[in-house]
Amino acid sequence: MAVGHPVTPRQAGSAFVALVRGEPEARRLWVRAVRDYVQLWLMTAPLEADEAPHLYAAGLALEQQFPDADLRLHVLNPRNYPGIDPANIISPDAEEIPLRPN
C-alpha cells in the first residue's frame, strides 16, 4: 500500500524556495518523496558553521507551513565535503527546483 504525502515534493520545494530565495549563499535545491517523508537538499556556498543557522530556521518555517508532513532538510555545505562535489550524494531520482529565475 502506498503512503500518501500531505504535501508533494514540488510543493515543499516551492515553499522552501520562497523562504531562501533572497539568501545569497543558497545555490541549488533538490527534492524527492521517500515512502512517508519528503527530502530536501539545499546546496550552499562554502560557509562557516556559524553562518548556516538561518537556513535551518527556514527549514523549521517550512515545517510550520506543512505541520502534517515529514520534511527532512539536508544543508549541503561544500566545506563539509572536501574533495567531492556534494551534489554527488543526492539521490539520482531527486528533482531540482530552481532557486531563482534563469
N, C-alpha and C. Protein backbone atom coordinates (compact mmCIF):
# COMPACT_ATOMS: atom_id res chain seq x y z
N MET A 1 0.83 -1.18 0.00
CA MET A 1 0.00 0.00 0.00
C MET A 1 0.88 1.23 0.00
N ALA A 2 0.65 2.17 -0.90
CA ALA A 2 1.44 3.39 -0.98
C ALA A 2 1.02 4.35 0.13
N VAL A 3 2.00 5.02 0.65
CA VAL A 3 1.73 6.01 1.70
C VAL A 3 1.56 7.36 1.03
N GLY A 4 0.48 8.06 1.34
CA GLY A 4 0.24 9.37 0.78
C GLY A 4 1.02 10.44 1.52
N HIS A 5 1.31 11.51 0.83
CA HIS A 5 2.01 12.65 1.42
C HIS A 5 1.03 13.81 1.55
N PRO A 6 1.03 14.50 2.69
CA PRO A 6 0.17 15.67 2.81
C PRO A 6 0.68 16.84 1.98
N VAL A 7 1.89 16.72 1.43
CA VAL A 7 2.47 17.74 0.56
C VAL A 7 3.34 17.01 -0.47
N THR A 8 3.33 17.49 -1.69
CA THR A 8 4.20 16.89 -2.70
C THR A 8 5.60 17.47 -2.57
N PRO A 9 6.60 16.76 -3.08
CA PRO A 9 7.95 17.32 -3.05
C PRO A 9 8.04 18.67 -3.75
N ARG A 10 7.35 18.81 -4.87
CA ARG A 10 7.39 20.09 -5.59
C ARG A 10 6.76 21.20 -4.75
N GLN A 11 5.65 20.92 -4.07
CA GLN A 11 5.03 21.93 -3.21
C GLN A 11 5.98 22.34 -2.08
N ALA A 12 6.59 21.35 -1.45
CA ALA A 12 7.53 21.65 -0.36
C ALA A 12 8.72 22.43 -0.89
N GLY A 13 9.24 22.02 -2.05
CA GLY A 13 10.37 22.72 -2.64
C GLY A 13 10.04 24.15 -3.01
N SER A 14 8.89 24.36 -3.61
CA SER A 14 8.48 25.72 -3.99
C SER A 14 8.31 26.61 -2.77
N ALA A 15 7.73 26.06 -1.72
CA ALA A 15 7.55 26.83 -0.48
C ALA A 15 8.91 27.14 0.15
N PHE A 16 9.84 26.19 0.10
CA PHE A 16 11.17 26.43 0.65
C PHE A 16 11.92 27.47 -0.16
N VAL A 17 11.77 27.43 -1.48
CA VAL A 17 12.40 28.44 -2.34
C VAL A 17 11.95 29.83 -1.92
N ALA A 18 10.67 29.98 -1.64
CA ALA A 18 10.17 31.30 -1.22
C ALA A 18 10.85 31.77 0.06
N LEU A 19 11.27 30.83 0.90
CA LEU A 19 11.91 31.18 2.17
C LEU A 19 13.39 31.52 2.02
N VAL A 20 14.07 30.94 1.03
CA VAL A 20 15.53 31.12 0.91
C VAL A 20 15.97 31.84 -0.36
N ARG A 21 15.06 32.20 -1.20
CA ARG A 21 15.41 32.82 -2.48
C ARG A 21 16.34 34.03 -2.31
N GLY A 22 16.13 34.82 -1.29
CA GLY A 22 16.93 36.02 -1.06
C GLY A 22 18.24 35.77 -0.37
N GLU A 23 18.53 34.55 -0.01
CA GLU A 23 19.78 34.21 0.68
C GLU A 23 20.88 33.97 -0.35
N PRO A 24 21.89 34.82 -0.42
CA PRO A 24 22.91 34.68 -1.47
C PRO A 24 23.71 33.38 -1.37
N GLU A 25 23.79 32.79 -0.18
CA GLU A 25 24.56 31.55 -0.03
C GLU A 25 23.78 30.31 -0.47
N ALA A 26 22.47 30.42 -0.67
CA ALA A 26 21.66 29.31 -1.17
C ALA A 26 21.92 29.18 -2.66
N ARG A 27 22.37 28.00 -3.11
CA ARG A 27 22.76 27.83 -4.50
C ARG A 27 21.83 26.94 -5.31
N ARG A 28 21.48 25.76 -4.79
CA ARG A 28 20.65 24.83 -5.54
C ARG A 28 19.79 24.03 -4.57
N LEU A 29 18.64 23.54 -5.06
CA LEU A 29 17.72 22.77 -4.22
C LEU A 29 17.19 21.57 -5.01
N TRP A 30 17.16 20.42 -4.33
CA TRP A 30 16.57 19.21 -4.89
C TRP A 30 15.56 18.65 -3.89
N VAL A 31 14.55 17.96 -4.40
CA VAL A 31 13.53 17.35 -3.55
C VAL A 31 13.17 15.96 -4.07
N ARG A 32 12.66 15.13 -3.18
CA ARG A 32 12.10 13.84 -3.60
C ARG A 32 11.26 13.27 -2.48
N ALA A 33 10.31 12.44 -2.86
CA ALA A 33 9.48 11.71 -1.90
C ALA A 33 10.15 10.37 -1.61
N VAL A 34 10.15 10.01 -0.34
CA VAL A 34 10.68 8.72 0.09
C VAL A 34 9.65 8.13 1.03
N ARG A 35 9.01 7.07 0.61
CA ARG A 35 7.97 6.40 1.39
C ARG A 35 7.04 7.40 2.08
N ASP A 36 7.31 7.71 3.34
CA ASP A 36 6.39 8.56 4.10
C ASP A 36 6.98 9.92 4.46
N TYR A 37 8.01 10.36 3.76
CA TYR A 37 8.58 11.68 4.03
C TYR A 37 9.10 12.31 2.74
N VAL A 38 9.41 13.60 2.83
CA VAL A 38 9.95 14.35 1.71
C VAL A 38 11.34 14.84 2.10
N GLN A 39 12.32 14.56 1.24
CA GLN A 39 13.68 15.03 1.46
C GLN A 39 13.91 16.29 0.65
N LEU A 40 14.63 17.23 1.25
CA LEU A 40 15.07 18.43 0.55
C LEU A 40 16.57 18.55 0.77
N TRP A 41 17.30 18.82 -0.29
CA TRP A 41 18.74 19.05 -0.20
C TRP A 41 19.00 20.47 -0.68
N LEU A 42 19.59 21.28 0.17
CA LEU A 42 19.95 22.65 -0.19
C LEU A 42 21.47 22.73 -0.30
N MET A 43 21.95 23.02 -1.49
CA MET A 43 23.38 23.24 -1.70
C MET A 43 23.66 24.71 -1.41
N THR A 44 24.72 24.95 -0.66
CA THR A 44 25.09 26.32 -0.30
C THR A 44 26.45 26.66 -0.87
N ALA A 45 26.78 27.93 -0.80
CA ALA A 45 28.16 28.36 -1.00
C ALA A 45 28.95 27.86 0.20
N PRO A 46 30.26 27.79 0.12
CA PRO A 46 31.03 27.39 1.30
C PRO A 46 30.77 28.34 2.48
N LEU A 47 30.38 27.77 3.61
CA LEU A 47 30.00 28.55 4.79
C LEU A 47 30.77 28.08 6.01
N GLU A 48 31.01 29.00 6.92
CA GLU A 48 31.49 28.63 8.25
C GLU A 48 30.30 28.06 9.01
N ALA A 49 30.57 27.25 10.02
CA ALA A 49 29.49 26.59 10.77
C ALA A 49 28.49 27.58 11.34
N ASP A 50 28.94 28.75 11.77
CA ASP A 50 28.03 29.72 12.39
C ASP A 50 27.27 30.57 11.37
N GLU A 51 27.47 30.30 10.08
CA GLU A 51 26.78 31.07 9.04
C GLU A 51 25.54 30.38 8.49
N ALA A 52 25.19 29.20 8.97
CA ALA A 52 24.08 28.43 8.40
C ALA A 52 22.81 28.37 9.24
N PRO A 53 22.78 28.82 10.49
CA PRO A 53 21.55 28.62 11.28
C PRO A 53 20.28 29.17 10.64
N HIS A 54 20.35 30.28 9.93
CA HIS A 54 19.14 30.84 9.32
C HIS A 54 18.59 29.92 8.23
N LEU A 55 19.44 29.11 7.62
CA LEU A 55 18.95 28.16 6.61
C LEU A 55 18.18 27.03 7.28
N TYR A 56 18.67 26.58 8.43
CA TYR A 56 17.92 25.58 9.19
C TYR A 56 16.62 26.18 9.74
N ALA A 57 16.67 27.46 10.10
CA ALA A 57 15.45 28.14 10.56
C ALA A 57 14.41 28.17 9.44
N ALA A 58 14.86 28.33 8.21
CA ALA A 58 13.93 28.28 7.07
C ALA A 58 13.29 26.90 6.97
N GLY A 59 14.06 25.86 7.29
CA GLY A 59 13.51 24.51 7.32
C GLY A 59 12.43 24.36 8.38
N LEU A 60 12.66 24.98 9.54
CA LEU A 60 11.64 24.95 10.60
C LEU A 60 10.39 25.70 10.17
N ALA A 61 10.58 26.84 9.49
CA ALA A 61 9.43 27.60 9.00
C ALA A 61 8.65 26.78 7.97
N LEU A 62 9.35 26.01 7.16
CA LEU A 62 8.68 25.14 6.19
C LEU A 62 7.84 24.08 6.91
N GLU A 63 8.40 23.51 7.97
CA GLU A 63 7.64 22.51 8.75
C GLU A 63 6.39 23.13 9.36
N GLN A 64 6.44 24.39 9.73
CA GLN A 64 5.25 25.06 10.27
C GLN A 64 4.19 25.26 9.20
N GLN A 65 4.63 25.45 7.96
CA GLN A 65 3.67 25.60 6.85
C GLN A 65 2.96 24.29 6.55
N PHE A 66 3.66 23.17 6.76
CA PHE A 66 3.12 21.85 6.46
C PHE A 66 3.26 20.96 7.69
N PRO A 67 2.48 21.23 8.73
CA PRO A 67 2.67 20.53 10.00
C PRO A 67 2.37 19.03 9.94
N ASP A 68 1.62 18.58 8.95
CA ASP A 68 1.30 17.16 8.85
C ASP A 68 2.29 16.38 7.98
N ALA A 69 3.28 17.09 7.45
CA ALA A 69 4.26 16.45 6.57
C ALA A 69 5.54 16.15 7.34
N ASP A 70 6.19 15.07 6.96
CA ASP A 70 7.51 14.73 7.49
C ASP A 70 8.51 15.24 6.46
N LEU A 71 9.15 16.37 6.77
CA LEU A 71 10.10 17.00 5.86
C LEU A 71 11.50 16.88 6.44
N ARG A 72 12.45 16.52 5.61
CA ARG A 72 13.83 16.33 6.07
C ARG A 72 14.77 17.16 5.21
N LEU A 73 15.29 18.22 5.81
CA LEU A 73 16.19 19.14 5.11
C LEU A 73 17.63 18.76 5.37
N HIS A 74 18.40 18.69 4.28
CA HIS A 74 19.85 18.45 4.35
C HIS A 74 20.52 19.68 3.76
N VAL A 75 21.30 20.39 4.56
CA VAL A 75 22.05 21.53 4.07
C VAL A 75 23.43 21.03 3.66
N LEU A 76 23.73 21.15 2.39
CA LEU A 76 24.99 20.65 1.85
C LEU A 76 25.98 21.80 1.69
N ASN A 77 26.83 21.94 2.68
CA ASN A 77 27.86 22.96 2.70
C ASN A 77 29.13 22.34 2.12
N PRO A 78 29.64 22.87 1.01
CA PRO A 78 30.84 22.28 0.41
C PRO A 78 32.04 22.17 1.37
N ARG A 79 32.10 23.00 2.38
CA ARG A 79 33.20 22.89 3.35
C ARG A 79 33.16 21.57 4.11
N ASN A 80 32.00 20.95 4.18
CA ASN A 80 31.86 19.69 4.89
C ASN A 80 32.16 18.48 4.01
N TYR A 81 32.46 18.72 2.73
CA TYR A 81 32.70 17.63 1.78
C TYR A 81 34.00 17.90 1.00
N PRO A 82 35.13 17.92 1.69
CA PRO A 82 36.38 18.23 0.98
C PRO A 82 36.70 17.18 -0.08
N GLY A 83 37.05 17.67 -1.24
CA GLY A 83 37.47 16.78 -2.31
C GLY A 83 36.37 16.17 -3.15
N ILE A 84 35.09 16.43 -2.80
CA ILE A 84 33.99 15.90 -3.62
C ILE A 84 32.95 17.00 -3.84
N ASP A 85 32.18 16.82 -4.86
CA ASP A 85 31.05 17.71 -5.12
C ASP A 85 29.87 17.16 -4.31
N PRO A 86 29.36 17.92 -3.34
CA PRO A 86 28.26 17.40 -2.52
C PRO A 86 27.01 17.03 -3.33
N ALA A 87 26.88 17.57 -4.52
CA ALA A 87 25.73 17.21 -5.36
C ALA A 87 25.77 15.74 -5.72
N ASN A 88 26.94 15.12 -5.64
CA ASN A 88 27.06 13.70 -5.98
C ASN A 88 26.39 12.78 -4.96
N ILE A 89 26.06 13.29 -3.78
CA ILE A 89 25.41 12.43 -2.78
C ILE A 89 23.89 12.50 -2.85
N ILE A 90 23.39 13.35 -3.71
CA ILE A 90 21.93 13.50 -3.85
C ILE A 90 21.40 12.34 -4.68
N SER A 91 20.28 11.82 -4.25
CA SER A 91 19.67 10.70 -4.96
C SER A 91 19.42 11.06 -6.42
N PRO A 92 19.72 10.16 -7.35
CA PRO A 92 19.53 10.46 -8.77
C PRO A 92 18.07 10.68 -9.16
N ASP A 93 17.13 10.24 -8.34
CA ASP A 93 15.72 10.46 -8.67
C ASP A 93 15.16 11.75 -8.06
N ALA A 94 16.03 12.55 -7.43
CA ALA A 94 15.58 13.83 -6.88
C ALA A 94 15.37 14.83 -8.02
N GLU A 95 14.42 15.72 -7.81
CA GLU A 95 14.10 16.75 -8.79
C GLU A 95 14.70 18.06 -8.33
N GLU A 96 15.39 18.74 -9.24
CA GLU A 96 15.94 20.05 -8.88
C GLU A 96 14.85 21.11 -9.05
N ILE A 97 14.75 21.96 -8.06
CA ILE A 97 13.81 23.09 -8.07
C ILE A 97 14.66 24.36 -8.16
N PRO A 98 14.49 25.15 -9.21
CA PRO A 98 15.31 26.37 -9.33
C PRO A 98 15.06 27.34 -8.18
N LEU A 99 16.14 27.90 -7.66
CA LEU A 99 16.03 28.87 -6.56
C LEU A 99 15.71 30.27 -7.10
N ARG A 100 16.15 30.53 -8.29
CA ARG A 100 15.97 31.86 -8.87
C ARG A 100 15.61 31.71 -10.35
N PRO A 101 14.92 32.70 -10.90
CA PRO A 101 14.62 32.62 -12.34
C PRO A 101 15.93 32.63 -13.13
N ASN A 102 15.92 31.95 -14.24
CA ASN A 102 17.14 31.89 -15.07
C ASN A 102 17.41 33.19 -15.74
